[in-house]
Amino acid sequence: MNVPVDEGLLLSMLLKVMNAKKTLELGVFTGYSLLTTALALPADGKITAVDVDKEAYEVGLPFIQKAGVEHKINFCQSDAFTVLNDLITKVS
């Protein structure tokens, strides 16, 4: 689902107010919210982006690269349940 511009701005503001450094994005679609998140995070911020469709991530990749925030993104081609289960297992 595509994120409207005003929701992207709200997301960006919330991430900055919270001083977020790590985020998890389940489903990247065109990458708009992924780019918005990457721009809002500090230089050492990290995003784990999960999508079963790598082509969806690649749609937004040129914009992410042009913005210079690709280093903040760890793309994982997988279904969300598998990744979430792995993350829970690592924490436990």
PDB file of N, CA and C in Angstrom:
ATOM      1  N   MET A   1       0.845  -1.174   0.000  1.00  0.00           N
ATOM      2  CA  MET A   1       0.000   0.000   0.000  1.00  0.00           C
ATOM      3  C   MET A   1       0.892   1.239   0.000  1.00  0.00           C
ATOM      4  N   ASN A   2       0.567   2.163  -0.821  1.00  0.00           N
ATOM      5  CA  ASN A   2       1.354   3.383  -0.929  1.00  0.00           C
ATOM      6  C   ASN A   2       1.009   4.341   0.214  1.00  0.00           C
ATOM      7  N   VAL A   3       2.011   4.998   0.746  1.00  0.00           N
ATOM      8  CA  VAL A   3       1.831   5.937   1.854  1.00  0.00           C
ATOM      9  C   VAL A   3       1.625   7.341   1.289  1.00  0.00           C
ATOM     10  N   PRO A   4       0.527   8.017   1.666  1.00  0.00           N
ATOM     11  CA  PRO A   4       0.321   9.395   1.209  1.00  0.00           C
ATOM     12  C   PRO A   4       1.412  10.323   1.758  1.00  0.00           C
ATOM     13  N   VAL A   5       1.644  11.425   1.078  1.00  0.00           N
ATOM     14  CA  VAL A   5       2.703  12.368   1.451  1.00  0.00           C
ATOM     15  C   VAL A   5       2.550  12.856   2.889  1.00  0.00           C
ATOM     16  N   ASP A   6       1.329  13.213   3.294  1.00  0.00           N
ATOM     17  CA  ASP A   6       1.147  13.731   4.655  1.00  0.00           C
ATOM     18  C   ASP A   6       1.469  12.677   5.709  1.00  0.00           C
ATOM     19  N   GLU A   7       1.178  11.409   5.428  1.00  0.00           N
ATOM     20  CA  GLU A   7       1.533  10.341   6.363  1.00  0.00           C
ATOM     21  C   GLU A   7       3.041  10.133   6.397  1.00  0.00           C
ATOM     22  N   GLY A   8       3.687  10.297   5.253  1.00  0.00           N
ATOM     23  CA  GLY A   8       5.146  10.207   5.195  1.00  0.00           C
ATOM     24  C   GLY A   8       5.800  11.294   6.033  1.00  0.00           C
ATOM     25  N   LEU A   9       5.256  12.498   5.970  1.00  0.00           N
ATOM     26  CA  LEU A   9       5.778  13.613   6.767  1.00  0.00           C
ATOM     27  C   LEU A   9       5.575  13.362   8.260  1.00  0.00           C
ATOM     28  N   LEU A  10       4.415  12.818   8.612  1.00  0.00           N
ATOM     29  CA  LEU A  10       4.143  12.486  10.013  1.00  0.00           C
ATOM     30  C   LEU A  10       5.112  11.405  10.494  1.00  0.00           C
ATOM     31  N   LEU A  11       5.309  10.385   9.680  1.00  0.00           N
ATOM     32  CA  LEU A  11       6.244   9.307  10.013  1.00  0.00           C
ATOM     33  C   LEU A  11       7.643   9.872  10.251  1.00  0.00           C
ATOM     34  N   SER A  12       8.083  10.732   9.362  1.00  0.00           N
ATOM     35  CA  SER A  12       9.400  11.352   9.477  1.00  0.00           C
ATOM     36  C   SER A  12       9.527  12.147  10.773  1.00  0.00           C
ATOM     37  N   MET A  13       8.512  12.938  11.085  1.00  0.00           N
ATOM     38  CA  MET A  13       8.537  13.739  12.301  1.00  0.00           C
ATOM     39  C   MET A  13       8.587  12.850  13.543  1.00  0.00           C
ATOM     40  N   LEU A  14       7.776  11.793  13.567  1.00  0.00           N
ATOM     41  CA  LEU A  14       7.749  10.888  14.721  1.00  0.00           C
ATOM     42  C   LEU A  14       9.095  10.200  14.926  1.00  0.00           C
ATOM     43  N   LEU A  15       9.719   9.776  13.839  1.00  0.00           N
ATOM     44  CA  LEU A  15      11.024   9.121  13.944  1.00  0.00           C
ATOM     45  C   LEU A  15      12.075  10.069  14.512  1.00  0.00           C
ATOM     46  N   LYS A  16      12.016  11.326  14.093  1.00  0.00           N
ATOM     47  CA  LYS A  16      12.974  12.321  14.591  1.00  0.00           C
ATOM     48  C   LYS A  16      12.714  12.656  16.059  1.00  0.00           C
ATOM     49  N   VAL A  17      11.444  12.818  16.435  1.00  0.00           N
ATOM     50  CA  VAL A  17      11.092  13.131  17.817  1.00  0.00           C
ATOM     51  C   VAL A  17      11.510  11.990  18.750  1.00  0.00           C
ATOM     52  N   MET A  18      11.340  10.754  18.283  1.00  0.00           N
ATOM     53  CA  MET A  18      11.695   9.578  19.082  1.00  0.00           C
ATOM     54  C   MET A  18      13.194   9.300  19.075  1.00  0.00           C
ATOM     55  N   ASN A  19      13.926  10.008  18.220  1.00  0.00           N
ATOM     56  CA  ASN A  19      15.355   9.754  18.045  1.00  0.00           C
ATOM     57  C   ASN A  19      15.600   8.286  17.683  1.00  0.00           C
ATOM     58  N   ALA A  20      14.755   7.774  16.787  1.00  0.00           N
ATOM     59  CA  ALA A  20      14.848   6.372  16.374  1.00  0.00           C
ATOM     60  C   ALA A  20      16.150   6.116  15.631  1.00  0.00           C
ATOM     61  N   LYS A  21      16.724   4.947  15.862  1.00  0.00           N
ATOM     62  CA  LYS A  21      17.954   4.556  15.170  1.00  0.00           C
ATOM     63  C   LYS A  21      17.783   3.261  14.393  1.00  0.00           C
ATOM     64  N   LYS A  22      16.777   2.475  14.769  1.00  0.00           N
ATOM     65  CA  LYS A  22      16.521   1.209  14.081  1.00  0.00           C
ATOM     66  C   LYS A  22      15.028   1.089  13.802  1.00  0.00           C
ATOM     67  N   THR A  23      14.696   0.655  12.593  1.00  0.00           N
ATOM     68  CA  THR A  23      13.294   0.431  12.248  1.00  0.00           C
ATOM     69  C   THR A  23      13.158  -0.867  11.465  1.00  0.00           C
ATOM     70  N   LEU A  24      11.942  -1.357  11.416  1.00  0.00           N
ATOM     71  CA  LEU A  24      11.607  -2.558  10.666  1.00  0.00           C
ATOM     72  C   LEU A  24      10.456  -2.211   9.737  1.00  0.00           C
ATOM     73  N   GLU A  25      10.629  -2.454   8.453  1.00  0.00           N
ATOM     74  CA  GLU A  25       9.566  -2.185   7.483  1.00  0.00           C
ATOM     75  C   GLU A  25       9.153  -3.505   6.848  1.00  0.00           C
ATOM     76  N   LEU A  26       7.897  -3.867   7.040  1.00  0.00           N
ATOM     77  CA  LEU A  26       7.360  -5.104   6.479  1.00  0.00           C
ATOM     78  C   LEU A  26       6.551  -4.764   5.241  1.00  0.00           C
ATOM     79  N   GLY A  27       7.096  -5.084   4.081  1.00  0.00           N
ATOM     80  CA  GLY A  27       6.483  -4.735   2.804  1.00  0.00           C
ATOM     81  C   GLY A  27       6.965  -3.365   2.371  1.00  0.00           C
ATOM     82  N   VAL A  28       7.670  -3.299   1.250  1.00  0.00           N
ATOM     83  CA  VAL A  28       8.251  -2.017   0.837  1.00  0.00           C
ATOM     84  C   VAL A  28       7.509  -1.357  -0.317  1.00  0.00           C
ATOM     85  N   PHE A  29       6.731  -2.105  -1.070  1.00  0.00           N
ATOM     86  CA  PHE A  29       5.984  -1.611  -2.223  1.00  0.00           C
ATOM     87  C   PHE A  29       6.883  -0.751  -3.101  1.00  0.00           C
ATOM     88  N   THR A  30       6.602   0.523  -3.277  1.00  0.00           N
ATOM     89  CA  THR A  30       7.426   1.358  -4.164  1.00  0.00           C
ATOM     90  C   THR A  30       8.629   1.965  -3.448  1.00  0.00           C
ATOM     91  N   GLY A  31       8.718   1.787  -2.139  1.00  0.00           N
ATOM     92  CA  GLY A  31       9.859   2.284  -1.383  1.00  0.00           C
ATOM     93  C   GLY A  31       9.716   3.697  -0.855  1.00  0.00           C
ATOM     94  N   TYR A  32       8.539   4.305  -1.004  1.00  0.00           N
ATOM     95  CA  TYR A  32       8.363   5.690  -0.553  1.00  0.00           C
ATOM     96  C   TYR A  32       8.541   5.822   0.960  1.00  0.00           C
ATOM     97  N   SER A  33       7.857   4.984   1.727  1.00  0.00           N
ATOM     98  CA  SER A  33       8.003   5.089   3.184  1.00  0.00           C
ATOM     99  C   SER A  33       9.392   4.638   3.622  1.00  0.00           C
ATOM    100  N   LEU A  34       9.990   3.728   2.876  1.00  0.00           N
ATOM    101  CA  LEU A  34      11.361   3.297   3.160  1.00  0.00           C
ATOM    102  C   LEU A  34      12.328   4.467   2.990  1.00  0.00           C
ATOM    103  N   LEU A  35      12.179   5.207   1.912  1.00  0.00           N
ATOM    104  CA  LEU A  35      13.011   6.385   1.667  1.00  0.00           C
ATOM    105  C   LEU A  35      12.758   7.458   2.724  1.00  0.00           C
ATOM    106  N   THR A  36      11.497   7.698   3.037  1.00  0.00           N
ATOM    107  CA  THR A  36      11.140   8.687   4.054  1.00  0.00           C
ATOM    108  C   THR A  36      11.767   8.334   5.399  1.00  0.00           C
ATOM    109  N   THR A  37      11.698   7.058   5.753  1.00  0.00           N
ATOM    110  CA  THR A  37      12.289   6.590   7.006  1.00  0.00           C
ATOM    111  C   THR A  37      13.799   6.759   6.994  1.00  0.00           C
ATOM    112  N   ALA A  38      14.437   6.345   5.908  1.00  0.00           N
ATOM    113  CA  ALA A  38      15.900   6.440   5.803  1.00  0.00           C
ATOM    114  C   ALA A  38      16.375   7.887   5.911  1.00  0.00           C
ATOM    115  N   LEU A  39      15.637   8.800   5.315  1.00  0.00           N
ATOM    116  CA  LEU A  39      16.006  10.215   5.390  1.00  0.00           C
ATOM    117  C   LEU A  39      15.833  10.778   6.800  1.00  0.00           C
ATOM    118  N   ALA A  40      14.884  10.237   7.559  1.00  0.00           N
ATOM    119  CA  ALA A  40      14.610  10.735   8.909  1.00  0.00           C
ATOM    120  C   ALA A  40      15.587  10.191   9.949  1.00  0.00           C
ATOM    121  N   LEU A  41      16.157   9.033   9.687  1.00  0.00           N
ATOM    122  CA  LEU A  41      17.072   8.423  10.651  1.00  0.00           C
ATOM    123  C   LEU A  41      18.427   9.126  10.635  1.00  0.00           C
ATOM    124  N   PRO A  42      19.149   9.070  11.764  1.00  0.00           N
ATOM    125  CA  PRO A  42      20.497   9.648  11.775  1.00  0.00           C
ATOM    126  C   PRO A  42      21.437   8.853  10.864  1.00  0.00           C
ATOM    127  N   ALA A  43      22.632   9.377  10.648  1.00  0.00           N
ATOM    128  CA  ALA A  43      23.595   8.753   9.728  1.00  0.00           C
ATOM    129  C   ALA A  43      23.899   7.304  10.090  1.00  0.00           C
ATOM    130  N   ASP A  44      23.853   6.977  11.380  1.00  0.00           N
ATOM    131  CA  ASP A  44      24.138   5.604  11.800  1.00  0.00           C
ATOM    132  C   ASP A  44      22.871   4.763  11.958  1.00  0.00           C
ATOM    133  N   GLY A  45      21.730   5.278  11.514  1.00  0.00           N
ATOM    134  CA  GLY A  45      20.468   4.557  11.605  1.00  0.00           C
ATOM    135  C   GLY A  45      20.420   3.367  10.658  1.00  0.00           C
ATOM    136  N   LYS A  46      19.607   2.372  11.009  1.00  0.00           N
ATOM    137  CA  LYS A  46      19.480   1.159  10.201  1.00  0.00           C
ATOM    138  C   LYS A  46      18.016   0.766  10.055  1.00  0.00           C
ATOM    139  N   ILE A  47      17.683   0.306   8.863  1.00  0.00           N
ATOM    140  CA  ILE A  47      16.337  -0.185   8.569  1.00  0.00           C
ATOM    141  C   ILE A  47      16.458  -1.615   8.072  1.00  0.00           C
ATOM    142  N   THR A  48      15.666  -2.496   8.635  1.00  0.00           N
ATOM    143  CA  THR A  48      15.520  -3.831   8.076  1.00  0.00           C
ATOM    144  C   THR A  48      14.229  -3.799   7.275  1.00  0.00           C
ATOM    145  N   ALA A  49      14.361  -3.942   5.967  1.00  0.00           N
ATOM    146  CA  ALA A  49      13.209  -3.886   5.058  1.00  0.00           C
ATOM    147  C   ALA A  49      12.937  -5.288   4.536  1.00  0.00           C
ATOM    148  N   VAL A  50      11.703  -5.738   4.674  1.00  0.00           N
ATOM    149  CA  VAL A  50      11.337  -7.103   4.306  1.00  0.00           C
ATOM    150  C   VAL A  50      10.234  -7.082   3.258  1.00  0.00           C
ATOM    151  N   ASP A  51      10.446  -7.828   2.189  1.00  0.00           N
ATOM    152  CA  ASP A  51       9.412  -7.988   1.163  1.00  0.00           C
ATOM    153  C   ASP A  51       9.687  -9.277   0.407  1.00  0.00           C
ATOM    154  N   VAL A  52       8.633  -9.986   0.045  1.00  0.00           N
ATOM    155  CA  VAL A  52       8.812 -11.212  -0.734  1.00  0.00           C
ATOM    156  C   VAL A  52       9.183 -10.901  -2.173  1.00  0.00           C
ATOM    157  N   ASP A  53       8.871  -9.689  -2.610  1.00  0.00           N
ATOM    158  CA  ASP A  53       9.091  -9.290  -3.996  1.00  0.00           C
ATOM    159  C   ASP A  53      10.255  -8.308  -4.093  1.00  0.00           C
ATOM    160  N   LYS A  54      11.423  -8.795  -4.507  1.00  0.00           N
ATOM    161  CA  LYS A  54      12.597  -7.923  -4.617  1.00  0.00           C
ATOM    162  C   LYS A  54      12.394  -6.844  -5.676  1.00  0.00           C
ATOM    163  N   GLU A  55      11.582  -7.137  -6.685  1.00  0.00           N
ATOM    164  CA  GLU A  55      11.309  -6.137  -7.721  1.00  0.00           C
ATOM    165  C   GLU A  55      10.623  -4.907  -7.128  1.00  0.00           C
ATOM    166  N   ALA A  56       9.811  -5.109  -6.101  1.00  0.00           N
ATOM    167  CA  ALA A  56       9.154  -3.975  -5.438  1.00  0.00           C
ATOM    168  C   ALA A  56      10.208  -3.058  -4.828  1.00  0.00           C
ATOM    169  N   TYR A  57      11.203  -3.637  -4.174  1.00  0.00           N
ATOM    170  CA  TYR A  57      12.296  -2.854  -3.582  1.00  0.00           C
ATOM    171  C   TYR A  57      13.095  -2.146  -4.667  1.00  0.00           C
ATOM    172  N   GLU A  58      13.323  -2.831  -5.767  1.00  0.00           N
ATOM    173  CA  GLU A  58      14.138  -2.275  -6.850  1.00  0.00           C
ATOM    174  C   GLU A  58      13.462  -1.104  -7.563  1.00  0.00           C
ATOM    175  N   VAL A  59      12.136  -0.977  -7.443  1.00  0.00           N
ATOM    176  CA  VAL A  59      11.424   0.171  -8.024  1.00  0.00           C
ATOM    177  C   VAL A  59      11.913   1.464  -7.374  1.00  0.00           C
ATOM    178  N   GLY A  60      12.022   1.459  -6.066  1.00  0.00           N
ATOM    179  CA  GLY A  60      12.439   2.660  -5.345  1.00  0.00           C
ATOM    180  C   GLY A  60      13.936   2.803  -5.159  1.00  0.00           C
ATOM    181  N   LEU A  61      14.695   1.753  -5.472  1.00  0.00           N
ATOM    182  CA  LEU A  61      16.136   1.769  -5.227  1.00  0.00           C
ATOM    183  C   LEU A  61      16.878   2.933  -5.886  1.00  0.00           C
ATOM    184  N   PRO A  62      16.585   3.299  -7.133  1.00  0.00           N
ATOM    185  CA  PRO A  62      17.298   4.443  -7.718  1.00  0.00           C
ATOM    186  C   PRO A  62      17.113   5.741  -6.922  1.00  0.00           C
ATOM    187  N   PHE A  63      15.936   5.945  -6.361  1.00  0.00           N
ATOM    188  CA  PHE A  63      15.667   7.142  -5.562  1.00  0.00           C
ATOM    189  C   PHE A  63      16.400   7.073  -4.218  1.00  0.00           C
ATOM    190  N   ILE A  64      16.444   5.880  -3.657  1.00  0.00           N
ATOM    191  CA  ILE A  64      17.166   5.657  -2.400  1.00  0.00           C
ATOM    192  C   ILE A  64      18.657   5.917  -2.602  1.00  0.00           C
ATOM    193  N   GLN A  65      19.188   5.419  -3.717  1.00  0.00           N
ATOM    194  CA  GLN A  65      20.606   5.630  -4.028  1.00  0.00           C
ATOM    195  C   GLN A  65      20.899   7.105  -4.279  1.00  0.00           C
ATOM    196  N   LYS A  66      20.023   7.763  -5.021  1.00  0.00           N
ATOM    197  CA  LYS A  66      20.219   9.185  -5.329  1.00  0.00           C
ATOM    198  C   LYS A  66      20.201  10.032  -4.052  1.00  0.00           C
ATOM    199  N   ALA A  67      19.392   9.618  -3.085  1.00  0.00           N
ATOM    200  CA  ALA A  67      19.310  10.339  -1.810  1.00  0.00           C
ATOM    201  C   ALA A  67      20.495  10.020  -0.898  1.00  0.00           C
ATOM    202  N   GLY A  68      21.276   9.011  -1.257  1.00  0.00           N
ATOM    203  CA  GLY A  68      22.465   8.665  -0.480  1.00  0.00           C
ATOM    204  C   GLY A  68      22.189   7.952   0.827  1.00  0.00           C
ATOM    205  N   VAL A  69      21.097   7.187   0.880  1.00  0.00           N
ATOM    206  CA  VAL A  69      20.740   6.508   2.131  1.00  0.00           C
ATOM    207  C   VAL A  69      20.700   4.980   2.005  1.00  0.00           C
ATOM    208  N   GLU A  70      21.223   4.465   0.912  1.00  0.00           N
ATOM    209  CA  GLU A  70      21.192   3.010   0.699  1.00  0.00           C
ATOM    210  C   GLU A  70      21.934   2.256   1.809  1.00  0.00           C
ATOM    211  N   HIS A  71      22.983   2.865   2.352  1.00  0.00           N
ATOM    212  CA  HIS A  71      23.780   2.212   3.398  1.00  0.00           C
ATOM    213  C   HIS A  71      22.984   1.979   4.689  1.00  0.00           C
ATOM    214  N   LYS A  72      21.872   2.650   4.847  1.00  0.00           N
ATOM    215  CA  LYS A  72      21.052   2.489   6.046  1.00  0.00           C
ATOM    216  C   LYS A  72      20.096   1.302   5.938  1.00  0.00           C
ATOM    217  N   ILE A  73      19.954   0.743   4.737  1.00  0.00           N
ATOM    218  CA  ILE A  73      18.914  -0.254   4.486  1.00  0.00           C
ATOM    219  C   ILE A  73      19.496  -1.646   4.318  1.00  0.00           C
ATOM    220  N   ASN A  74      18.936  -2.572   5.081  1.00  0.00           N
ATOM    221  CA  ASN A  74      19.251  -3.983   4.926  1.00  0.00           C
ATOM    222  C   ASN A  74      17.991  -4.643   4.367  1.00  0.00           C
ATOM    223  N   PHE A  75      17.987  -4.913   3.052  1.00  0.00           N
ATOM    224  CA  PHE A  75      16.809  -5.515   2.428  1.00  0.00           C
ATOM    225  C   PHE A  75      16.869  -7.022   2.589  1.00  0.00           C
ATOM    226  N   CYS A  76      15.762  -7.595   2.992  1.00  0.00           N
ATOM    227  CA  CYS A  76      15.659  -9.039   3.189  1.00  0.00           C
ATOM    228  C   CYS A  76      14.491  -9.548   2.345  1.00  0.00           C
ATOM    229  N   GLN A  77      14.802 -10.365   1.340  1.00  0.00           N
ATOM    230  CA  GLN A  77      13.745 -10.927   0.502  1.00  0.00           C
ATOM    231  C   GLN A  77      13.195 -12.166   1.193  1.00  0.00           C
ATOM    232  N   SER A  78      12.045 -11.999   1.808  1.00  0.00           N
ATOM    233  CA  SER A  78      11.433 -13.073   2.583  1.00  0.00           C
ATOM    234  C   SER A  78      10.011 -12.667   2.936  1.00  0.00           C
ATOM    235  N   ASP A  79       9.276 -13.628   3.485  1.00  0.00           N
ATOM    236  CA  ASP A  79       7.956 -13.281   4.000  1.00  0.00           C
ATOM    237  C   ASP A  79       8.126 -12.768   5.431  1.00  0.00           C
ATOM    238  N   ALA A  80       7.224 -11.939   5.853  1.00  0.00           N
ATOM    239  CA  ALA A  80       7.329 -11.275   7.154  1.00  0.00           C
ATOM    240  C   ALA A  80       7.322 -12.271   8.312  1.00  0.00           C
ATOM    241  N   PHE A  81       6.524 -13.320   8.225  1.00  0.00           N
ATOM    242  CA  PHE A  81       6.429 -14.279   9.323  1.00  0.00           C
ATOM    243  C   PHE A  81       7.768 -14.942   9.616  1.00  0.00           C
ATOM    244  N   THR A  82       8.496 -15.295   8.577  1.00  0.00           N
ATOM    245  CA  THR A  82       9.803 -15.928   8.754  1.00  0.00           C
ATOM    246  C   THR A  82      10.777 -14.974   9.430  1.00  0.00           C
ATOM    247  N   VAL A  83      10.833 -13.749   8.951  1.00  0.00           N
ATOM    248  CA  VAL A  83      11.756 -12.756   9.518  1.00  0.00           C
ATOM    249  C   VAL A  83      11.385 -12.440  10.962  1.00  0.00           C
ATOM    250  N   LEU A  84      10.109 -12.235  11.230  1.00  0.00           N
ATOM    251  CA  LEU A  84       9.684 -11.932  12.596  1.00  0.00           C
ATOM    252  C   LEU A  84       9.996 -13.089  13.537  1.00  0.00           C
ATOM    253  N   ASN A  85       9.773 -14.305  13.087  1.00  0.00           N
ATOM    254  CA  ASN A  85      10.090 -15.477  13.899  1.00  0.00           C
ATOM    255  C   ASN A  85      11.589 -15.536  14.195  1.00  0.00           C
ATOM    256  N   ASP A  86      12.413 -15.266  13.185  1.00  0.00           N
ATOM    257  CA  ASP A  86      13.869 -15.250  13.376  1.00  0.00           C
ATOM    258  C   ASP A  86      14.286 -14.172  14.373  1.00  0.00           C
ATOM    259  N   LEU A  87      13.686 -12.992  14.274  1.00  0.00           N
ATOM    260  CA  LEU A  87      14.016 -11.903  15.197  1.00  0.00           C
ATOM    261  C   LEU A  87      13.617 -12.250  16.632  1.00  0.00           C
ATOM    262  N   ILE A  88      12.459 -12.856  16.794  1.00  0.00           N
ATOM    263  CA  ILE A  88      12.002 -13.267  18.128  1.00  0.00           C
ATOM    264  C   ILE A  88      12.939 -14.318  18.705  1.00  0.00           C
ATOM    265  N   THR A  89      13.365 -15.256  17.868  1.00  0.00           N
ATOM    266  CA  THR A  89      14.279 -16.311  18.311  1.00  0.00           C
ATOM    267  C   THR A  89      15.614 -15.719  18.761  1.00  0.00           C
ATOM    268  N   LYS A  90      16.122 -14.727  18.030  1.00  0.00           N
ATOM    269  CA  LYS A  90      17.400 -14.095  18.386  1.00  0.00           C
ATOM    270  C   LYS A  90      17.314 -13.361  19.716  1.00  0.00           C
ATOM    271  N   VAL A  91      16.171 -12.753  19.998  1.00  0.00           N
ATOM    272  CA  VAL A  91      15.996 -11.979  21.223  1.00  0.00           C
ATOM    273  C   VAL A  91      15.808 -12.896  22.427  1.00  0.00           C
ATOM    274  N   SER A  92      15.162 -14.018  22.215  1.00  0.00           N
ATOM    275  CA  SER A  92      14.858 -14.946  23.326  1.00  0.00           C
ATOM    276  C   SER A  92      16.078 -15.635  23.865  1.00  0.00           C
TER     277      SER A  92
END
